[in-house]
Amino acid sequence: MKMPTDAIREEILKSGAISFARFMELALYCPETGYYETKKDTVGRAGDFITSVSVGKFFGELLAFQFAEWLEIEVRSRKSEVRIVEAGAHDGKLAADILNWLQIHRPKLFAEIEYVIIEPSTRRQEWQQNTLKSFARRVNWFADFENFQFKIKNFKLRGVLFSNELLDAFPVHRYGWDAKEKNWFEWGVALTGEKFTWVKMRQQDLPSAISHLPSALLSVLPDNYTIEISPAAENWWRAAAGILEIGKLLAIDYGFNADEQFSPARLNGTLRAYHRHHVSDDLLAHPGEQDLTAHVNFPAIQKAGEEAGLKTELFCTQPQFITHIFKKAVAKKAFANLDAKQVRQFQSLTHPEHLGRAFRVLVQSRG
């Protein structure tokens, strides 16, 4: 069986150095052998990293309450079928938590909605279907947005389209600043013997995010200062905005705002490798065996949505978002009797030393 290492090596030997975005794509998504294709149990204490979902059900229950608040107005209007669309559902656990809460606490809404999962991997679809077998009649799967639109006649998405820790997994290009030459280069990946190594690649066409930076900022950037740019994530967000007729587009992920984009604390960018809860800066080691992830450039994502006609309703930290939902839910007696487990989960989701530190929430809408 060909491993990601083999595919990367073959491509470099055939075409020369490749971009890190291509390296990341092969390492994570190589058919049959990529990290996300073979590592089902990557989340939680036994996996490689902790997520808001792995903390417990309370995260999904709070999202379910907020989705219900947004969707019940559309259900009452009866203009068309209302959907919750989740992109990148991993093993289906978050979908199960959301659907279970809606079934118990909003049964009328639960009976009216369709839950859709956008998932290009047939293997991950199988994992999700196994997790969601008790909700089989309410859930449908599609490989991508085009497949979704093609199979549903008179398609108009009214509802909520959301992702949780998806955008950070899109391949990124790494750009470095040459302080002496006063220009940017792209970090590529080459072969030295049998080892993958970094190489500087000169690019004629630079992305606007770095080609139009003010000279005052460039004059103080240290040599080899590195940032990541993900055209793939921005294009995905535009596509998501394009299928939304009325409703909300929501992303929860770790990332930065405009003021944090350039920081002296991040000379080497935000890319990290994760394996067994250990963080590594050796991004080229063991392709397919470790997760690769970078902070989301939320200003770029927000701009992409607004250019597609969406209105930005909210951009805040996860603690602010979760606390706001919780206060509304308590006022409506949706979570009247919290147990100790839910309290601990709420603290983990919002405390700055846990998952509340770097996570951001972007909500955009149409109609």
Protein backbone atom coordinates (compact mmCIF):
# COMPACT_ATOMS: atom_id res chain seq x y z
CA MET A 1 0.00 0.00 0.00
CA LYS A 2 1.37 3.40 -1.02
CA MET A 3 1.84 5.72 1.96
CA PRO A 4 1.70 9.55 1.96
CA THR A 5 5.51 9.52 2.26
CA ASP A 6 5.74 7.57 -1.01
CA ALA A 7 3.30 9.86 -2.84
CA ILE A 8 5.15 12.99 -1.69
CA ARG A 9 8.54 11.57 -2.59
CA GLU A 10 7.35 10.53 -6.06
CA GLU A 11 5.89 13.96 -6.78
CA ILE A 12 9.09 15.76 -5.72
CA LEU A 13 11.27 13.41 -7.78
CA LYS A 14 9.02 13.99 -10.80
CA SER A 15 8.41 17.74 -10.59
CA GLY A 16 10.90 19.19 -8.12
CA ALA A 17 10.15 20.99 -4.88
CA ILE A 18 6.47 21.28 -3.99
CA SER A 19 4.60 23.85 -1.92
CA PHE A 20 3.89 23.03 1.69
CA ALA A 21 0.17 23.25 0.83
CA ARG A 22 0.63 20.27 -1.50
CA PHE A 23 2.70 18.43 1.12
CA MET A 24 -0.06 19.03 3.69
CA GLU A 25 -2.76 17.92 1.27
CA LEU A 26 -1.03 14.60 0.61
CA ALA A 27 -0.12 14.02 4.26
CA LEU A 28 -3.65 14.60 5.54
CA TYR A 29 -5.92 13.61 2.66
CA CYS A 30 -4.03 11.11 0.53
CA PRO A 31 -6.68 8.52 -0.47
CA GLU A 32 -6.67 5.46 1.77
CA THR A 33 -3.53 6.43 3.69
CA GLY A 34 -3.76 10.11 4.68
CA TYR A 35 -3.98 11.09 8.34
CA TYR A 36 -7.69 11.93 8.23
CA GLU A 37 -8.43 8.82 6.18
CA THR A 38 -6.89 6.35 8.60
CA LYS A 39 -6.96 7.95 12.06
CA LYS A 40 -10.50 7.64 13.38
CA ASP A 41 -9.70 8.07 17.08
CA THR A 42 -7.59 11.23 16.83
CA VAL A 43 -9.74 13.22 19.27
CA GLY A 44 -9.90 12.93 23.05
CA ARG A 45 -7.58 11.67 25.75
CA ALA A 46 -6.61 8.57 23.78
CA GLY A 47 -6.10 10.52 20.55
CA ASP A 48 -3.77 13.29 19.41
CA PHE A 49 -5.67 16.37 20.61
CA ILE A 50 -8.68 17.60 22.60
CA THR A 51 -11.61 19.41 20.97
CA SER A 52 -14.73 21.11 22.28
CA VAL A 53 -16.71 18.03 21.25
CA SER A 54 -14.48 15.62 23.15
CA VAL A 55 -14.99 17.63 26.36
CA GLY A 56 -18.57 16.33 26.52
CA LYS A 57 -22.14 16.71 25.24
CA PHE A 58 -22.72 20.19 26.64
CA PHE A 59 -21.01 21.89 23.70
CA GLY A 60 -23.37 20.25 21.21
CA GLU A 61 -26.36 20.90 23.45
CA LEU A 62 -25.60 24.61 23.62
CA LEU A 63 -25.22 24.75 19.84
CA ALA A 64 -28.50 22.87 19.47
CA PHE A 65 -30.27 25.48 21.61
CA GLN A 66 -28.85 28.32 19.48
CA PHE A 67 -29.71 26.56 16.23
CA ALA A 68 -33.26 26.05 17.48
CA GLU A 69 -33.54 29.77 18.24
CA TRP A 70 -32.47 30.58 14.69
CA LEU A 71 -34.47 27.87 12.93
CA GLU A 72 -37.86 27.96 14.60
CA ILE A 73 -38.69 31.23 12.86
CA GLU A 74 -38.02 29.64 9.47
CA VAL A 75 -39.99 26.52 10.35
CA ARG A 76 -43.00 28.62 11.29
CA SER A 77 -42.78 30.49 7.97
CA ARG A 78 -43.08 27.17 6.08
CA LYS A 79 -41.52 28.68 2.97
CA SER A 80 -39.29 25.69 2.32
CA GLU A 81 -37.59 22.81 4.06
CA VAL A 82 -35.19 23.89 6.80
CA ARG A 83 -31.80 22.23 7.22
CA ILE A 84 -28.83 22.08 9.52
CA VAL A 85 -25.73 21.47 7.41
CA GLU A 86 -22.51 20.40 9.13
CA ALA A 87 -19.26 20.34 7.17
CA GLY A 88 -16.42 18.18 8.42
CA ALA A 89 -18.32 16.11 10.98
CA HIS A 90 -15.36 13.84 11.78
CA ASP A 91 -16.88 10.81 13.58
CA GLY A 92 -20.41 12.26 13.89
CA LYS A 93 -20.31 12.82 17.65
CA LEU A 94 -21.24 16.51 17.50
CA ALA A 95 -24.14 15.79 15.14
CA ALA A 96 -25.40 13.13 17.56
CA ASP A 97 -25.25 15.55 20.51
CA ILE A 98 -27.15 18.23 18.56
CA LEU A 99 -29.82 15.88 17.23
CA ASN A 100 -30.33 14.17 20.58
CA TRP A 101 -30.96 17.50 22.33
CA LEU A 102 -33.35 18.67 19.62
CA GLN A 103 -35.27 15.39 19.73
CA ILE A 104 -35.80 15.67 23.48
CA HIS A 105 -36.23 19.44 23.93
CA ARG A 106 -37.53 20.67 20.55
CA PRO A 107 -39.45 17.66 19.17
CA LYS A 108 -41.56 19.69 16.73
CA LEU A 109 -38.50 21.31 15.22
CA PHE A 110 -36.68 17.97 15.18
CA ALA A 111 -39.54 16.48 13.15
CA GLU A 112 -39.32 19.27 10.56
CA ILE A 113 -35.60 19.61 9.88
CA GLU A 114 -33.15 17.63 7.79
CA TYR A 115 -29.57 17.25 9.05
CA VAL A 116 -27.03 17.25 6.23
CA ILE A 117 -23.36 16.32 6.48
CA ILE A 118 -20.90 17.47 3.82
CA GLU A 119 -18.18 14.83 3.77
CA PRO A 120 -15.95 13.99 0.76
CA SER A 121 -14.45 10.87 2.35
CA THR A 122 -16.50 7.67 2.01
CA ARG A 123 -14.54 6.18 4.90
CA ARG A 124 -15.43 9.04 7.24
CA GLN A 125 -19.03 8.84 6.03
CA GLU A 126 -19.08 5.24 7.25
CA TRP A 127 -17.76 6.32 10.68
CA GLN A 128 -20.43 9.00 10.90
CA GLN A 129 -23.23 6.69 9.77
CA ASN A 130 -22.30 4.22 12.46
CA THR A 131 -22.40 6.96 15.13
CA LEU A 132 -25.70 8.34 13.82
CA LYS A 133 -27.53 5.10 13.05
CA SER A 134 -30.33 5.98 15.51
CA PHE A 135 -30.95 9.17 13.50
CA ALA A 136 -30.65 7.54 10.07
CA ARG A 137 -34.02 8.87 8.87
CA ARG A 138 -33.07 12.47 9.62
CA VAL A 139 -29.51 12.61 8.22
CA ASN A 140 -28.23 12.71 4.65
CA TRP A 141 -24.67 12.79 3.30
CA PHE A 142 -23.17 14.61 0.33
CA ALA A 143 -19.59 14.70 -0.89
CA ASP A 144 -19.51 18.46 -1.51
CA PHE A 145 -21.70 21.49 -2.16
CA GLU A 146 -22.04 20.75 -5.88
CA ASN A 147 -23.22 17.22 -5.14
CA PHE A 148 -25.64 18.62 -2.55
CA GLN A 149 -27.16 21.09 -5.01
CA PHE A 150 -27.31 18.60 -7.88
CA LYS A 151 -29.22 15.93 -5.95
CA ILE A 152 -31.81 18.25 -4.40
CA LYS A 153 -34.12 19.76 -6.99
CA ASN A 154 -35.17 23.39 -6.58
CA PHE A 155 -32.40 23.67 -4.04
CA LYS A 156 -32.45 26.68 -1.73
CA LEU A 157 -30.67 26.38 1.58
CA ARG A 158 -32.64 27.88 4.43
CA GLY A 159 -31.13 27.13 7.78
CA VAL A 160 -27.71 26.85 9.40
CA LEU A 161 -24.48 25.81 7.73
CA PHE A 162 -21.67 25.35 10.23
CA SER A 163 -18.24 23.89 10.79
CA ASN A 164 -16.31 23.15 13.97
CA GLU A 165 -12.53 22.93 13.65
CA LEU A 166 -12.64 22.44 9.90
CA LEU A 167 -11.00 25.53 8.42
CA ASP A 168 -7.76 24.96 10.34
CA ALA A 169 -7.28 21.68 8.49
CA PHE A 170 -7.30 23.18 4.98
CA PRO A 171 -3.87 23.15 3.32
CA VAL A 172 -1.88 26.35 3.76
CA HIS A 173 0.94 28.00 1.85
CA ARG A 174 3.84 29.22 3.99
CA TYR A 175 5.43 32.52 3.01
CA GLY A 176 8.66 33.92 4.46
CA TRP A 177 10.08 37.44 4.41
CA ASP A 178 13.58 38.02 3.05
CA ALA A 179 14.67 41.11 4.99
CA LYS A 180 17.80 41.64 2.89
CA GLU A 181 16.12 41.36 -0.52
CA LYS A 182 12.92 43.03 0.71
CA ASN A 183 10.59 40.47 -0.81
CA TRP A 184 8.58 37.36 0.02
CA PHE A 185 9.38 33.78 -0.88
CA GLU A 186 7.38 30.59 -0.42
CA TRP A 187 8.58 27.79 1.81
CA GLY A 188 8.59 24.63 -0.29
CA VAL A 189 9.44 21.01 0.45
CA ALA A 190 12.32 19.17 -1.23
CA LEU A 191 14.19 15.89 -0.79
CA THR A 192 17.68 15.65 0.65
CA GLY A 193 18.57 11.99 0.42
CA GLU A 194 15.54 10.29 1.96
CA LYS A 195 14.61 13.22 4.19
CA PHE A 196 12.08 15.96 3.48
CA THR A 197 13.66 19.40 3.87
CA TRP A 198 12.63 23.05 3.57
CA VAL A 199 13.59 25.06 0.51
CA LYS A 200 12.94 28.68 -0.49
CA MET A 201 10.85 29.04 -3.65
CA ARG A 202 10.63 32.37 -5.46
CA GLN A 203 7.12 33.29 -6.59
CA GLN A 204 6.10 35.79 -9.25
CA ASP A 205 2.48 36.10 -8.19
CA LEU A 206 2.00 36.68 -4.48
CA PRO A 207 -1.37 36.65 -2.73
CA SER A 208 -2.83 40.08 -2.04
CA ALA A 209 -2.67 39.42 1.71
CA ILE A 210 1.09 39.97 1.62
CA SER A 211 1.69 41.79 -1.67
CA HIS A 212 -0.06 44.94 -0.46
CA LEU A 213 1.30 45.23 3.06
CA PRO A 214 2.41 48.70 4.16
CA SER A 215 6.12 49.42 3.92
CA ALA A 216 6.19 50.51 7.57
CA LEU A 217 5.23 46.98 8.62
CA LEU A 218 7.62 45.28 6.19
CA SER A 219 10.53 47.39 7.43
CA VAL A 220 10.30 45.87 10.91
CA LEU A 221 9.66 42.24 9.96
CA PRO A 222 12.62 40.03 10.94
CA ASP A 223 14.36 37.87 8.38
CA ASN A 224 12.46 34.64 7.56
CA TYR A 225 9.33 35.86 9.35
CA THR A 226 6.71 33.32 8.27
CA ILE A 227 2.94 33.44 7.86
CA GLU A 228 0.40 31.00 6.46
CA ILE A 229 -2.24 31.73 3.82
CA SER A 230 -5.03 29.33 2.87
CA PRO A 231 -6.74 30.10 -0.45
CA ALA A 232 -8.49 26.73 -0.08
CA ALA A 233 -10.23 27.80 3.15
CA GLU A 234 -11.27 31.14 1.66
CA ASN A 235 -12.64 29.46 -1.49
CA TRP A 236 -14.55 26.94 0.60
CA TRP A 237 -16.16 29.76 2.60
CA ARG A 238 -17.19 31.54 -0.62
CA ALA A 239 -18.76 28.31 -1.87
CA ALA A 240 -20.62 27.88 1.42
CA ALA A 241 -21.89 31.45 1.20
CA GLY A 242 -23.01 30.80 -2.36
CA ILE A 243 -25.50 28.08 -1.46
CA LEU A 244 -27.05 29.97 1.48
CA GLU A 245 -30.30 31.69 0.52
CA ILE A 246 -31.55 32.54 4.02
CA GLY A 247 -29.89 31.65 7.30
CA LYS A 248 -26.57 31.54 9.11
CA LEU A 249 -23.05 30.54 8.17
CA LEU A 250 -21.00 29.72 11.26
CA ALA A 251 -17.39 28.73 11.88
CA ILE A 252 -15.83 27.78 15.20
CA ASP A 253 -12.07 27.39 15.08
CA TYR A 254 -8.85 28.63 16.56
CA GLY A 255 -7.42 31.63 14.79
CA PHE A 256 -6.67 35.31 15.04
CA ASN A 257 -8.21 38.68 14.34
CA ALA A 258 -6.74 41.49 12.22
CA ASP A 259 -4.65 42.93 15.05
CA GLU A 260 -3.07 39.55 15.77
CA GLN A 261 -2.14 38.66 12.20
CA PHE A 262 1.44 39.85 12.58
CA SER A 263 2.97 39.15 15.96
CA PRO A 264 6.60 39.12 17.16
CA ALA A 265 5.71 35.98 19.12
CA ARG A 266 5.04 34.03 15.90
CA LEU A 267 8.26 34.29 13.92
CA ASN A 268 7.70 30.83 12.43
CA GLY A 269 3.95 31.09 11.88
CA THR A 270 1.20 29.10 13.57
CA LEU A 271 1.61 25.72 11.90
CA ARG A 272 1.95 22.88 14.36
CA ALA A 273 2.02 19.09 14.27
CA TYR A 274 0.12 17.10 16.90
CA HIS A 275 0.65 13.53 17.97
CA ARG A 276 -0.50 11.98 21.27
CA HIS A 277 -1.11 15.46 22.72
CA HIS A 278 2.47 16.48 22.04
CA VAL A 279 3.08 19.56 19.91
CA SER A 280 5.92 19.43 17.43
CA ASP A 281 7.53 22.03 15.18
CA ASP A 282 8.88 19.27 12.93
CA LEU A 283 6.15 19.65 10.32
CA LEU A 284 7.81 17.42 7.73
CA ALA A 285 8.27 14.36 9.94
CA HIS A 286 6.19 11.21 9.49
CA PRO A 287 3.61 12.40 6.91
CA GLY A 288 0.25 10.74 7.53
CA GLU A 289 1.02 9.93 11.17
CA GLN A 290 0.56 13.35 12.74
CA ASP A 291 -2.01 16.11 12.42
CA LEU A 292 -1.01 19.36 10.74
CA THR A 293 -2.95 22.48 11.54
CA ALA A 294 -2.66 26.27 11.33
CA HIS A 295 -4.56 29.18 12.86
CA VAL A 296 -7.44 30.44 10.73
CA ASN A 297 -7.07 33.90 9.22
CA PHE A 298 -10.54 35.05 10.22
CA PRO A 299 -10.26 38.53 8.65
CA ALA A 300 -9.73 36.83 5.26
CA ILE A 301 -12.64 34.44 5.87
CA GLN A 302 -14.91 37.29 6.96
CA LYS A 303 -13.98 39.31 3.87
CA ALA A 304 -14.72 36.33 1.59
CA GLY A 305 -18.21 35.99 3.06
CA GLU A 306 -18.96 39.69 2.80
CA GLU A 307 -17.81 39.75 -0.83
CA ALA A 308 -20.32 36.93 -1.43
CA GLY A 309 -23.12 39.09 -0.03
CA LEU A 310 -23.24 37.92 3.57
CA LYS A 311 -23.61 40.18 6.58
CA THR A 312 -21.26 39.69 9.51
CA GLU A 313 -23.37 39.34 12.63
CA LEU A 314 -20.75 38.28 15.12
CA PHE A 315 -17.04 37.72 15.50
CA CYS A 316 -15.95 36.93 19.03
CA THR A 317 -14.12 34.42 21.22
CA GLN A 318 -15.59 31.01 22.00
CA PRO A 319 -16.06 31.92 25.69
CA GLN A 320 -18.10 34.98 24.70
CA PHE A 321 -20.21 32.96 22.27
CA ILE A 322 -20.80 30.05 24.65
CA THR A 323 -21.58 32.34 27.59
CA HIS A 324 -24.06 34.34 25.51
CA ILE A 325 -25.90 31.17 24.49
CA PHE A 326 -25.85 29.86 28.04
CA LYS A 327 -27.37 33.04 29.46
CA LYS A 328 -30.19 32.96 26.90
CA ALA A 329 -30.79 29.28 27.58
CA VAL A 330 -30.95 29.79 31.33
CA ALA A 331 -33.37 32.70 30.90
CA LYS A 332 -35.65 30.40 28.90
CA LYS A 333 -35.16 27.57 31.41
CA ALA A 334 -33.58 25.35 28.76
CA PHE A 335 -30.83 24.26 31.17
CA ALA A 336 -32.58 24.69 34.50
CA ASN A 337 -30.77 21.97 36.45
CA LEU A 338 -27.10 21.80 35.58
CA ASP A 339 -25.20 18.87 37.01
CA ALA A 340 -21.54 18.88 38.05
CA LYS A 341 -20.47 17.32 34.76
CA GLN A 342 -22.07 20.10 32.71
CA VAL A 343 -20.48 22.75 34.92
CA ARG A 344 -17.04 21.22 34.38
CA GLN A 345 -17.62 21.07 30.64
CA PHE A 346 -18.72 24.71 30.55
CA GLN A 347 -15.55 25.70 32.40
CA SER A 348 -13.37 23.73 29.97
CA LEU A 349 -15.07 25.39 26.99
CA THR A 350 -14.64 28.92 28.31
CA HIS A 351 -11.58 29.03 30.57
CA PRO A 352 -8.57 30.76 28.95
CA GLU A 353 -6.22 27.99 30.12
CA HIS A 354 -8.32 25.39 28.33
CA LEU A 355 -10.33 25.64 25.10
CA GLY A 356 -11.31 29.27 25.60
CA ARG A 357 -7.88 30.67 24.84
CA ALA A 358 -7.54 30.78 21.04
CA PHE A 359 -10.93 29.74 19.69
CA ARG A 360 -12.96 32.27 17.69
CA VAL A 361 -16.51 32.24 16.36
CA LEU A 362 -17.64 33.88 13.12
CA VAL A 363 -21.35 34.16 12.30
CA GLN A 364 -22.48 35.58 8.96
CA SER A 365 -26.00 35.65 7.58
CA ARG A 366 -28.18 36.29 4.54
CA GLY A 367 -31.79 37.38 4.53
